[in-house]
Amino acid sequence: MEFKKAIGLEVHIELSTSRKLFCNCNTRFGARPNSQSCNICLGRPGAMPILSRKAVDYAILAGLALNLHISDYMSFDRKAYYYPDLPKAYQITQYYQPIGVDGYIDIETNKGPKRVRIKRLHLEEDAGKLIHQPEKQITKVDYNRAGIPLIEVVTEPDLNTAEECQTFLEQLRLIALYLGISDCKMEEGSLRCDVNISLNSKDSKLHGTRVEIKNLNSFKAIQKAIEYEFERQREILVKGSTIVAETRRWNDKLKKTESMKKRDRGDDYRYMPDPELPTIRIGDKRIKHISLKMPELPATIYKRFRQNYCLSEKDARLLLSIPDLARLFEACLLEYNKPQVLCNWLTGDLLRLIKESNTDIKSIKLSPMMIKDLLIMIDNGLISTTIARKVFIDMFYSGHKPQLIVERKKLAQVTDQKTLEAVTDLVLKQNKSSVSDYKAGKKKVLSYLMGQAMEKTEGKANPVILKEILTSRLDQSKS
């Protein structure tokens, strides 16, 4: 029996504002629990919310980037939400008049390009965080996160596989990063996703019963949850049973979804207009002003990387995955116009050092001019690639220019013929069995002998001259 799959996403993106959506409390991650909360965060009687203009501007900017129609007016509503992490017992969100509607993102799938429709984008406040301590049989609440501004991006059920969902989310994440509206750190909860899944007979024109999986915060969890849920629903339908409309959660330890609550009567959140927040007119003038701040989006940059710089799909996507890395790449190109060489150094050596040192790329000490100087030294034969990698490490940590490092550590390439001949003779004398293998026709030993010679010179020998001398000596030994 064949089934039709349908997936819709509700993606929550935490906005990088310095204050919360309705108060002046700080939004810094990792602060001492409940040290960044006030009467408004805690929903105390008489506390009046004051809307963050920056959060609204960020939401409008996101809406424009996602091809949404930005509403002329927006309003806020109360959503009944009885849970300890929301002390007001309601969440301020947008239901009747959201920021924008009817947008889309185009993604690439294994079947070609696909347009994923976006139903709506709205602003809302985040809830607090529950900290469960089962060994003590208690649950604590941290309200630092309560009131932090979120945008929620709601798609139509246009996605059909876990792979398509990941592609969509990766593209949405990149758009938010390039807009500068969020850091999208899933491990810190800045990007979270609810997945709505339905399965039905392939012949049916309708979608099946919708099941929601809440609060997935990693691409791996999203993929595993979707795959598990499709199989769970398929088994139910094959047996002739009925899918129950419910909200489920992903249990990463058991690698399965678990029921949280049934939705027999739908999600009755009893929305009502918030009486303390007036309807706001956005207007064409404000939309135009915000649109002027629109940066170049990743889809456009990707095309340029592929077409203008002839980078592979893998290299282009790796550069794009970190906006500051992509910007550094193009800044370096202004100084040194060899795209593939630059890409190799930035996506290889630089990313490795950043990971090892746990450094943010914004704080590195390397400049485009320093990188250019290093690569020109390789091109001019002043240092080998092996030595250049050592110099690059020194540059990364010290911020010194490559010329200074090479001079101070005496790393300049050895090109003197007599010196390299002496090194070659010593290597051949110490590796007589390899010489015999070469005479027997095993040409691969040449690489081994080259490595031995380079080691003798601490990687400073000119490889071209060294190879010529080594090959000549070996060929002479055969005659």
Protein backbone atom coordinates (compact mmCIF):
# COMPACT_ATOMS: atom_id res chain seq x y z
CA MET A 1 0.00 0.00 0.00
CA GLU A 2 1.41 3.40 -1.04
CA PHE A 3 0.96 6.56 1.00
CA LYS A 4 1.11 10.30 0.39
CA LYS A 5 3.33 12.19 2.83
CA ALA A 6 2.84 15.83 3.81
CA ILE A 7 4.93 17.91 6.20
CA GLY A 8 4.40 21.45 7.40
CA LEU A 9 6.85 23.30 9.64
CA GLU A 10 6.44 25.90 12.37
CA VAL A 11 9.87 27.42 12.88
CA HIS A 12 10.67 29.65 15.85
CA ILE A 13 13.62 32.01 15.41
CA GLU A 14 14.86 34.01 18.38
CA LEU A 15 15.63 37.61 17.39
CA SER A 16 18.99 39.10 18.37
CA THR A 17 17.67 42.18 20.13
CA SER A 18 19.35 43.49 23.27
CA ARG A 19 16.00 43.88 25.06
CA LYS A 20 12.93 41.70 25.29
CA LEU A 21 9.81 42.10 23.19
CA PHE A 22 7.75 44.01 25.76
CA CYS A 23 10.25 45.20 28.38
CA ASN A 24 13.84 46.38 28.82
CA CYS A 25 15.22 43.16 30.35
CA ASN A 26 18.48 41.88 28.88
CA THR A 27 18.39 38.90 26.50
CA ARG A 28 21.94 37.59 27.08
CA PHE A 29 22.15 33.80 26.98
CA GLY A 30 23.57 31.91 29.96
CA ALA A 31 22.89 34.49 32.67
CA ARG A 32 22.15 33.41 36.25
CA PRO A 33 18.59 31.98 36.41
CA ASN A 34 15.87 34.60 36.90
CA SER A 35 18.39 37.46 36.89
CA GLN A 36 16.92 38.90 33.68
CA SER A 37 13.24 39.17 34.51
CA CYS A 38 10.91 41.90 35.70
CA ASN A 39 7.26 42.54 36.54
CA ILE A 40 6.35 42.45 32.84
CA CYS A 41 8.20 39.15 32.24
CA LEU A 42 6.50 37.65 35.28
CA GLY A 43 3.03 38.91 34.30
CA ARG A 44 2.36 40.74 37.53
CA PRO A 45 -0.87 42.76 37.76
CA GLY A 46 -0.57 46.30 36.45
CA ALA A 47 2.66 45.69 34.48
CA MET A 48 2.19 47.28 31.05
CA PRO A 49 4.03 45.86 27.99
CA ILE A 50 6.09 48.25 25.82
CA LEU A 51 6.73 46.95 22.30
CA SER A 52 10.30 46.76 20.93
CA ARG A 53 10.50 48.68 17.64
CA LYS A 54 13.68 46.83 16.65
CA ALA A 55 11.96 43.46 16.96
CA VAL A 56 9.18 44.65 14.66
CA ASP A 57 11.73 45.93 12.12
CA TYR A 58 13.58 42.59 12.22
CA ALA A 59 10.31 40.72 11.65
CA ILE A 60 9.42 42.92 8.67
CA LEU A 61 12.92 42.45 7.22
CA ALA A 62 12.54 38.67 7.54
CA GLY A 63 9.13 38.85 5.91
CA LEU A 64 10.53 40.75 2.92
CA ALA A 65 13.38 38.25 2.54
CA LEU A 66 10.84 35.39 2.54
CA ASN A 67 8.74 37.05 -0.20
CA LEU A 68 5.82 37.67 2.14
CA HIS A 69 3.12 40.27 1.68
CA ILE A 70 3.66 42.66 4.60
CA SER A 71 0.40 43.66 6.21
CA ASP A 72 -0.66 47.31 6.41
CA TYR A 73 -1.68 46.77 10.02
CA MET A 74 -0.60 44.34 12.68
CA SER A 75 -2.00 43.56 16.10
CA PHE A 76 -1.20 41.33 19.07
CA ASP A 77 -3.37 38.66 20.61
CA ARG A 78 -3.48 36.61 23.77
CA LYS A 79 -3.18 32.85 23.45
CA ALA A 80 -4.43 30.86 26.46
CA TYR A 81 -1.43 28.85 27.61
CA TYR A 82 -1.67 27.32 31.06
CA TYR A 83 1.87 26.17 31.82
CA PRO A 84 4.42 27.04 34.52
CA ASP A 85 6.87 28.62 32.02
CA LEU A 86 4.35 31.39 31.22
CA PRO A 87 3.30 33.02 34.51
CA LYS A 88 0.61 35.21 32.85
CA ALA A 89 -1.21 32.00 31.77
CA TYR A 90 -1.28 33.42 28.24
CA GLN A 91 1.26 34.12 25.51
CA ILE A 92 1.31 37.37 23.56
CA THR A 93 1.41 36.45 19.89
CA GLN A 94 -0.15 37.46 16.55
CA TYR A 95 -3.13 35.53 15.26
CA TYR A 96 -5.66 37.78 13.54
CA GLN A 97 -3.25 40.31 12.00
CA PRO A 98 0.30 38.89 11.63
CA ILE A 99 3.29 40.74 10.19
CA GLY A 100 3.11 39.00 6.80
CA VAL A 101 1.38 36.28 4.79
CA ASP A 102 1.69 34.29 1.55
CA GLY A 103 5.44 34.02 0.96
CA TYR A 104 7.77 31.29 -0.24
CA ILE A 105 11.29 29.86 -0.32
CA ASP A 106 12.67 28.01 -3.34
CA ILE A 107 14.80 24.98 -2.46
CA GLU A 108 16.77 22.41 -4.44
CA THR A 109 15.73 18.76 -4.05
CA ASN A 110 16.93 15.54 -5.66
CA LYS A 111 13.99 15.93 -8.03
CA GLY A 112 14.90 19.51 -8.97
CA PRO A 113 13.79 22.95 -7.71
CA LYS A 114 10.79 23.15 -5.41
CA ARG A 115 8.80 26.09 -4.05
CA VAL A 116 7.77 25.84 -0.40
CA ARG A 117 4.90 28.18 0.42
CA ILE A 118 5.01 30.15 3.65
CA LYS A 119 1.56 30.70 5.12
CA ARG A 120 2.44 33.39 7.63
CA LEU A 121 5.14 35.04 9.73
CA HIS A 122 4.27 36.52 13.09
CA LEU A 123 5.92 37.96 16.19
CA GLU A 124 5.49 36.49 19.64
CA GLU A 125 7.14 36.28 23.03
CA ASP A 126 9.07 33.21 24.15
CA ALA A 127 8.20 31.23 27.26
CA GLY A 128 10.49 30.53 30.20
CA LYS A 129 12.53 27.36 30.63
CA LEU A 130 11.61 24.39 32.81
CA ILE A 131 14.57 22.66 34.48
CA HIS A 132 13.59 19.15 35.52
CA GLN A 133 15.46 17.46 38.37
CA PRO A 134 13.90 13.98 38.56
CA GLU A 135 16.37 12.76 41.19
CA LYS A 136 14.93 15.42 43.55
CA GLN A 137 11.41 15.08 42.14
CA ILE A 138 11.22 18.81 41.47
CA THR A 139 11.03 21.13 38.46
CA LYS A 140 12.50 24.62 38.57
CA VAL A 141 11.58 27.53 36.29
CA ASP A 142 13.99 30.06 34.78
CA TYR A 143 12.14 33.13 33.46
CA ASN A 144 15.17 34.73 31.78
CA ARG A 145 13.91 33.53 28.40
CA ALA A 146 10.30 34.63 29.02
CA GLY A 147 9.50 37.58 26.78
CA ILE A 148 12.42 37.21 24.37
CA PRO A 149 11.16 38.12 20.87
CA LEU A 150 10.55 35.32 18.38
CA ILE A 151 9.36 35.18 14.84
CA GLU A 152 7.38 32.11 13.88
CA VAL A 153 7.51 31.01 10.23
CA VAL A 154 4.63 28.70 9.33
CA THR A 155 4.77 26.77 6.07
CA GLU A 156 2.07 25.08 4.06
CA PRO A 157 2.29 21.24 4.03
CA ASP A 158 4.44 21.32 0.88
CA LEU A 159 7.36 19.24 2.14
CA ASN A 160 7.41 15.48 1.65
CA THR A 161 10.66 14.10 3.09
CA ALA A 162 13.05 14.64 6.00
CA GLU A 163 15.71 15.69 3.48
CA GLU A 164 13.49 18.42 2.05
CA CYS A 165 12.77 19.68 5.57
CA GLN A 166 16.48 19.89 6.36
CA THR A 167 17.19 21.74 3.10
CA PHE A 168 14.39 24.22 3.84
CA LEU A 169 15.54 24.78 7.43
CA GLU A 170 19.18 25.21 6.40
CA GLN A 171 18.15 27.84 3.85
CA LEU A 172 15.87 29.62 6.34
CA ARG A 173 18.69 29.60 8.89
CA LEU A 174 21.12 31.10 6.37
CA ILE A 175 18.65 33.84 5.45
CA ALA A 176 18.26 34.79 9.13
CA LEU A 177 22.06 34.80 9.59
CA TYR A 178 22.70 36.98 6.55
CA LEU A 179 19.94 39.36 7.62
CA GLY A 180 21.71 39.62 10.99
CA ILE A 181 18.45 39.15 12.91
CA SER A 182 19.41 35.98 14.83
CA ASP A 183 22.41 33.83 15.68
CA CYS A 184 20.27 30.71 14.98
CA LYS A 185 22.16 28.61 17.54
CA MET A 186 20.02 25.52 17.86
CA GLU A 187 21.99 24.34 20.89
CA GLU A 188 20.93 27.54 22.71
CA GLY A 189 17.31 27.37 21.54
CA SER A 190 17.61 30.28 19.09
CA LEU A 191 16.17 28.09 16.34
CA ARG A 192 13.48 25.53 17.17
CA CYS A 193 11.00 23.68 15.05
CA ASP A 194 7.58 22.02 15.38
CA VAL A 195 6.85 19.46 12.67
CA ASN A 196 3.33 18.67 11.48
CA ILE A 197 3.10 15.30 9.72
CA SER A 198 0.27 13.53 7.95
CA LEU A 199 0.01 10.34 5.97
CA ASN A 200 -2.82 9.31 3.66
CA SER A 201 -3.59 7.01 0.77
CA LYS A 202 -1.75 8.06 -2.37
CA ASP A 203 -5.05 8.17 -4.26
CA SER A 204 -6.69 10.56 -1.79
CA LYS A 205 -6.93 14.26 -2.63
CA LEU A 206 -6.92 15.15 1.07
CA HIS A 207 -4.16 15.16 3.65
CA GLY A 208 -4.32 12.67 6.46
CA THR A 209 -4.81 13.40 10.17
CA ARG A 210 -2.19 15.87 11.35
CA VAL A 211 0.21 14.89 14.13
CA GLU A 212 2.46 17.58 15.63
CA ILE A 213 5.95 16.94 17.02
CA LYS A 214 7.00 19.78 19.33
CA ASN A 215 10.27 21.59 20.04
CA LEU A 216 12.86 19.87 17.89
CA ASN A 217 16.18 21.69 18.25
CA SER A 218 18.64 19.90 15.97
CA PHE A 219 18.66 18.86 12.33
CA LYS A 220 19.44 15.30 13.38
CA ALA A 221 16.46 15.17 15.77
CA ILE A 222 14.16 16.59 13.10
CA GLN A 223 15.25 13.98 10.57
CA LYS A 224 14.97 11.06 13.01
CA ALA A 225 11.59 12.22 14.34
CA ILE A 226 10.10 12.56 10.84
CA GLU A 227 11.37 9.16 9.74
CA TYR A 228 10.08 7.48 12.90
CA GLU A 229 6.70 9.18 12.76
CA PHE A 230 6.10 8.27 9.11
CA GLU A 231 6.82 4.63 9.90
CA ARG A 232 4.62 4.71 13.03
CA GLN A 233 1.68 6.15 11.09
CA ARG A 234 2.23 3.79 8.17
CA GLU A 235 2.00 0.76 10.45
CA ILE A 236 -1.26 2.08 11.96
CA LEU A 237 -2.86 2.63 8.54
CA VAL A 238 -1.71 -0.75 7.18
CA LYS A 239 -3.49 -2.41 10.12
CA GLY A 240 -6.67 -0.53 9.20
CA SER A 241 -6.61 1.63 12.33
CA THR A 242 -7.05 5.40 12.57
CA ILE A 243 -4.38 8.04 13.22
CA VAL A 244 -5.11 10.04 16.36
CA ALA A 245 -4.76 13.81 16.15
CA GLU A 246 -2.25 14.63 18.88
CA THR A 247 0.87 16.50 19.92
CA ARG A 248 3.97 14.35 20.41
CA ARG A 249 7.56 14.90 21.45
CA TRP A 250 10.82 13.29 20.34
CA ASN A 251 12.57 11.11 22.93
CA ASP A 252 16.18 11.14 21.80
CA LYS A 253 17.25 8.41 24.23
CA LEU A 254 14.59 5.96 23.04
CA LYS A 255 14.71 7.24 19.42
CA LYS A 256 10.93 7.47 19.23
CA THR A 257 8.08 9.98 19.44
CA GLU A 258 5.84 9.96 22.53
CA SER A 259 2.35 11.32 23.02
CA MET A 260 2.01 14.56 24.99
CA LYS A 261 -1.67 15.40 24.53
CA LYS A 262 -4.64 14.52 22.32
CA ARG A 263 -6.27 17.15 20.11
CA ASP A 264 -9.80 15.79 19.89
CA ARG A 265 -11.32 19.27 19.67
CA GLY A 266 -8.41 21.00 17.99
CA ASP A 267 -6.04 23.47 19.64
CA ASP A 268 -8.48 25.67 21.57
CA TYR A 269 -6.15 28.47 22.61
CA ARG A 270 -9.08 30.91 22.80
CA TYR A 271 -7.27 33.75 21.03
CA MET A 272 -8.41 37.26 21.92
CA PRO A 273 -7.01 40.70 20.98
CA ASP A 274 -4.61 41.98 23.62
CA PRO A 275 -6.31 45.02 25.21
CA GLU A 276 -2.99 46.55 26.34
CA LEU A 277 -1.33 46.60 22.89
CA PRO A 278 -2.90 48.77 20.18
CA THR A 279 -3.16 47.88 16.50
CA ILE A 280 -0.10 49.26 14.70
CA ARG A 281 -0.04 50.68 11.18
CA ILE A 282 3.12 49.56 9.40
CA GLY A 283 2.72 51.61 6.22
CA ASP A 284 4.57 51.67 2.89
CA LYS A 285 7.08 54.28 4.06
CA ARG A 286 8.33 52.09 6.90
CA ILE A 287 8.44 48.98 4.70
CA LYS A 288 10.46 50.84 2.05
CA HIS A 289 12.86 52.17 4.69
CA ILE A 290 13.45 48.66 6.06
CA SER A 291 13.81 47.16 2.56
CA LEU A 292 16.76 49.50 1.93
CA LYS A 293 18.61 47.61 4.70
CA MET A 294 18.18 44.30 2.89
CA PRO A 295 21.62 42.67 2.45
CA GLU A 296 22.54 40.34 -0.37
CA LEU A 297 20.83 37.03 0.33
CA PRO A 298 22.59 33.63 0.31
CA ALA A 299 20.85 32.36 -2.85
CA THR A 300 22.35 35.23 -4.87
CA ILE A 301 25.80 34.81 -3.30
CA TYR A 302 25.70 31.06 -4.01
CA LYS A 303 25.07 31.70 -7.71
CA ARG A 304 28.02 34.10 -7.85
CA PHE A 305 30.33 31.65 -6.09
CA ARG A 306 29.38 28.94 -8.58
CA GLN A 307 29.30 31.00 -11.78
CA ASN A 308 31.90 33.73 -11.28
CA TYR A 309 34.42 31.82 -9.17
CA CYS A 310 33.79 28.30 -10.57
CA LEU A 311 33.60 26.78 -7.07
CA SER A 312 32.07 23.34 -6.57
CA GLU A 313 28.66 23.04 -4.95
CA LYS A 314 30.29 21.66 -1.80
CA ASP A 315 32.84 24.49 -1.52
CA ALA A 316 30.26 27.20 -2.23
CA ARG A 317 27.87 25.86 0.41
CA LEU A 318 30.67 25.47 2.98
CA LEU A 319 31.73 29.09 2.52
CA LEU A 320 28.12 30.27 2.66
CA SER A 321 27.40 28.32 5.85
CA ILE A 322 29.28 30.98 7.85
CA PRO A 323 28.43 34.52 6.65
CA ASP A 324 31.67 36.01 8.01
CA LEU A 325 33.68 33.33 6.20
CA ALA A 326 31.95 34.14 2.91
CA ARG A 327 32.66 37.84 3.44
CA LEU A 328 36.33 37.13 4.27
CA PHE A 329 36.60 35.01 1.10
CA GLU A 330 35.40 37.86 -1.12
CA ALA A 331 37.53 40.40 0.74
CA CYS A 332 40.59 38.18 0.12
CA LEU A 333 39.67 37.90 -3.56
CA LEU A 334 40.17 41.65 -3.92
CA GLU A 335 43.80 41.09 -2.90
CA TYR A 336 44.51 37.65 -4.41
CA ASN A 337 42.38 36.58 -7.36
CA LYS A 338 42.68 32.80 -7.16
CA PRO A 339 39.27 31.67 -5.83
CA GLN A 340 39.96 27.95 -5.47
CA VAL A 341 43.29 28.45 -3.68
CA LEU A 342 41.68 30.88 -1.25
CA CYS A 343 38.71 28.59 -0.71
CA ASN A 344 40.99 25.67 0.14
CA TRP A 345 42.88 27.67 2.78
CA LEU A 346 39.77 29.22 4.34
CA THR A 347 37.60 26.11 4.44
CA GLY A 348 40.50 23.86 5.43
CA ASP A 349 43.26 25.40 7.55
CA LEU A 350 41.32 28.40 8.85
CA LEU A 351 38.16 26.50 9.87
CA ARG A 352 40.28 23.84 11.57
CA LEU A 353 42.11 26.46 13.65
CA ILE A 354 38.86 28.22 14.54
CA LYS A 355 37.39 24.94 15.76
CA GLU A 356 40.53 23.93 17.68
CA SER A 357 40.82 27.30 19.41
CA ASN A 358 37.06 27.70 19.93
CA THR A 359 37.34 31.16 18.40
CA ASP A 360 34.70 33.23 16.67
CA ILE A 361 35.68 34.15 13.12
CA LYS A 362 34.89 37.80 13.87
CA SER A 363 37.74 37.94 16.39
CA ILE A 364 40.52 36.33 14.33
CA LYS A 365 43.74 38.29 13.82
CA LEU A 366 44.15 37.45 10.13
CA SER A 367 43.51 40.12 7.51
CA PRO A 368 42.98 39.65 3.74
CA MET A 369 46.32 41.40 3.13
CA MET A 370 48.18 38.97 5.43
CA ILE A 371 46.62 35.97 3.70
CA LYS A 372 47.53 37.41 0.30
CA ASP A 373 51.15 37.97 1.38
CA LEU A 374 51.43 34.36 2.55
CA LEU A 375 50.04 32.92 -0.69
CA ILE A 376 52.29 35.12 -2.84
CA MET A 377 55.30 33.85 -0.89
CA ILE A 378 54.28 30.30 -1.90
CA ASP A 379 53.78 31.36 -5.53
CA ASN A 380 57.20 33.01 -5.64
CA GLY A 381 58.91 29.92 -4.20
CA LEU A 382 60.02 31.66 -1.03
CA ILE A 383 58.38 29.04 1.19
CA SER A 384 56.88 25.60 0.60
CA THR A 385 53.22 24.79 1.23
CA THR A 386 54.28 22.73 4.24
CA ILE A 387 56.10 25.68 5.78
CA ALA A 388 53.24 27.99 4.80
CA ARG A 389 50.87 25.94 6.96
CA LYS A 390 53.18 26.42 9.95
CA VAL A 391 53.38 30.14 9.22
CA PHE A 392 49.57 30.30 8.90
CA ILE A 393 49.17 28.83 12.38
CA ASP A 394 51.59 31.41 13.78
CA MET A 395 49.75 34.20 11.95
CA PHE A 396 46.40 32.98 13.33
CA TYR A 397 47.53 33.07 16.96
CA SER A 398 50.00 35.98 16.91
CA GLY A 399 48.56 38.28 14.26
CA HIS A 400 52.09 38.83 12.89
CA LYS A 401 52.76 39.29 9.17
CA PRO A 402 54.02 36.20 7.33
CA GLN A 403 57.26 37.91 6.21
CA LEU A 404 58.17 38.64 9.83
CA ILE A 405 57.45 35.05 10.93
CA VAL A 406 59.49 33.54 8.08
CA GLU A 407 62.43 35.84 8.80
CA ARG A 408 62.33 35.39 12.57
CA LYS A 409 62.10 31.60 12.41
CA LYS A 410 64.39 31.27 9.40
CA LEU A 411 61.78 29.38 7.41
CA ALA A 412 62.73 30.59 3.94
CA GLN A 413 62.85 27.85 1.34
CA VAL A 414 66.19 26.11 0.73
CA THR A 415 67.04 26.41 -2.97
CA ASP A 416 70.84 26.03 -2.83
CA GLN A 417 71.80 23.21 -5.20
CA LYS A 418 74.77 21.92 -3.20
CA THR A 419 72.83 21.87 0.08
CA LEU A 420 69.99 19.88 -1.49
CA GLU A 421 72.41 17.48 -3.19
CA ALA A 422 74.04 16.76 0.17
CA VAL A 423 70.63 16.10 1.76
CA THR A 424 69.67 13.80 -1.15
CA ASP A 425 72.89 11.78 -0.88
CA LEU A 426 72.34 11.32 2.86
CA VAL A 427 68.75 10.14 2.38
CA LEU A 428 69.75 7.64 -0.32
CA LYS A 429 72.55 6.31 1.87
CA GLN A 430 70.14 5.78 4.79
CA ASN A 431 67.44 4.14 2.65
CA LYS A 432 69.29 1.57 0.50
CA SER A 433 66.29 -0.83 0.42
CA SER A 434 64.10 1.92 -1.08
CA VAL A 435 66.78 2.62 -3.69
CA SER A 436 66.76 -1.09 -4.60
CA ASP A 437 62.96 -1.01 -4.89
CA TYR A 438 63.21 1.98 -7.25
CA LYS A 439 65.72 0.09 -9.40
CA ALA A 440 63.23 -2.81 -9.49
CA GLY A 441 60.62 -0.50 -11.00
CA LYS A 442 58.69 0.52 -7.89
CA LYS A 443 58.33 4.20 -8.70
CA LYS A 444 56.11 4.87 -5.68
CA VAL A 445 59.13 4.88 -3.36
CA LEU A 446 60.04 8.27 -4.85
CA SER A 447 57.31 9.89 -2.71
CA TYR A 448 58.68 8.22 0.40
CA LEU A 449 62.22 9.39 -0.32
CA MET A 450 60.95 12.92 -1.02
CA GLY A 451 59.27 12.89 2.38
CA GLN A 452 62.49 11.78 4.06
CA ALA A 453 64.43 14.55 2.35
CA MET A 454 61.84 17.18 3.26
CA GLU A 455 62.00 16.00 6.87
CA LYS A 456 65.79 16.51 6.88
CA THR A 457 65.28 20.15 5.86
CA GLU A 458 62.32 20.64 8.22
CA GLY A 459 60.09 21.13 5.20
CA LYS A 460 62.16 24.05 3.86
CA ALA A 461 63.56 22.36 0.73
CA ASN A 462 62.27 23.59 -2.61
CA PRO A 463 60.23 20.54 -3.71
CA VAL A 464 60.74 21.10 -7.44
CA ILE A 465 64.54 21.31 -7.21
CA LEU A 466 64.66 18.51 -4.65
CA LYS A 467 62.63 16.17 -6.87
CA GLU A 468 64.87 16.88 -9.87
CA ILE A 469 68.01 16.06 -7.87
CA LEU A 470 66.48 12.94 -6.28
CA THR A 471 65.20 11.58 -9.61
CA SER A 472 68.56 12.26 -11.26
CA ARG A 473 70.48 10.46 -8.49
CA LEU A 474 68.13 7.45 -8.61
CA ASP A 475 68.27 7.18 -12.40
CA GLN A 476 72.08 7.33 -12.24
CA SER A 477 72.10 4.47 -9.72
CA LYS A 478 70.16 2.27 -12.19
CA SER A 479 72.79 2.58 -14.93
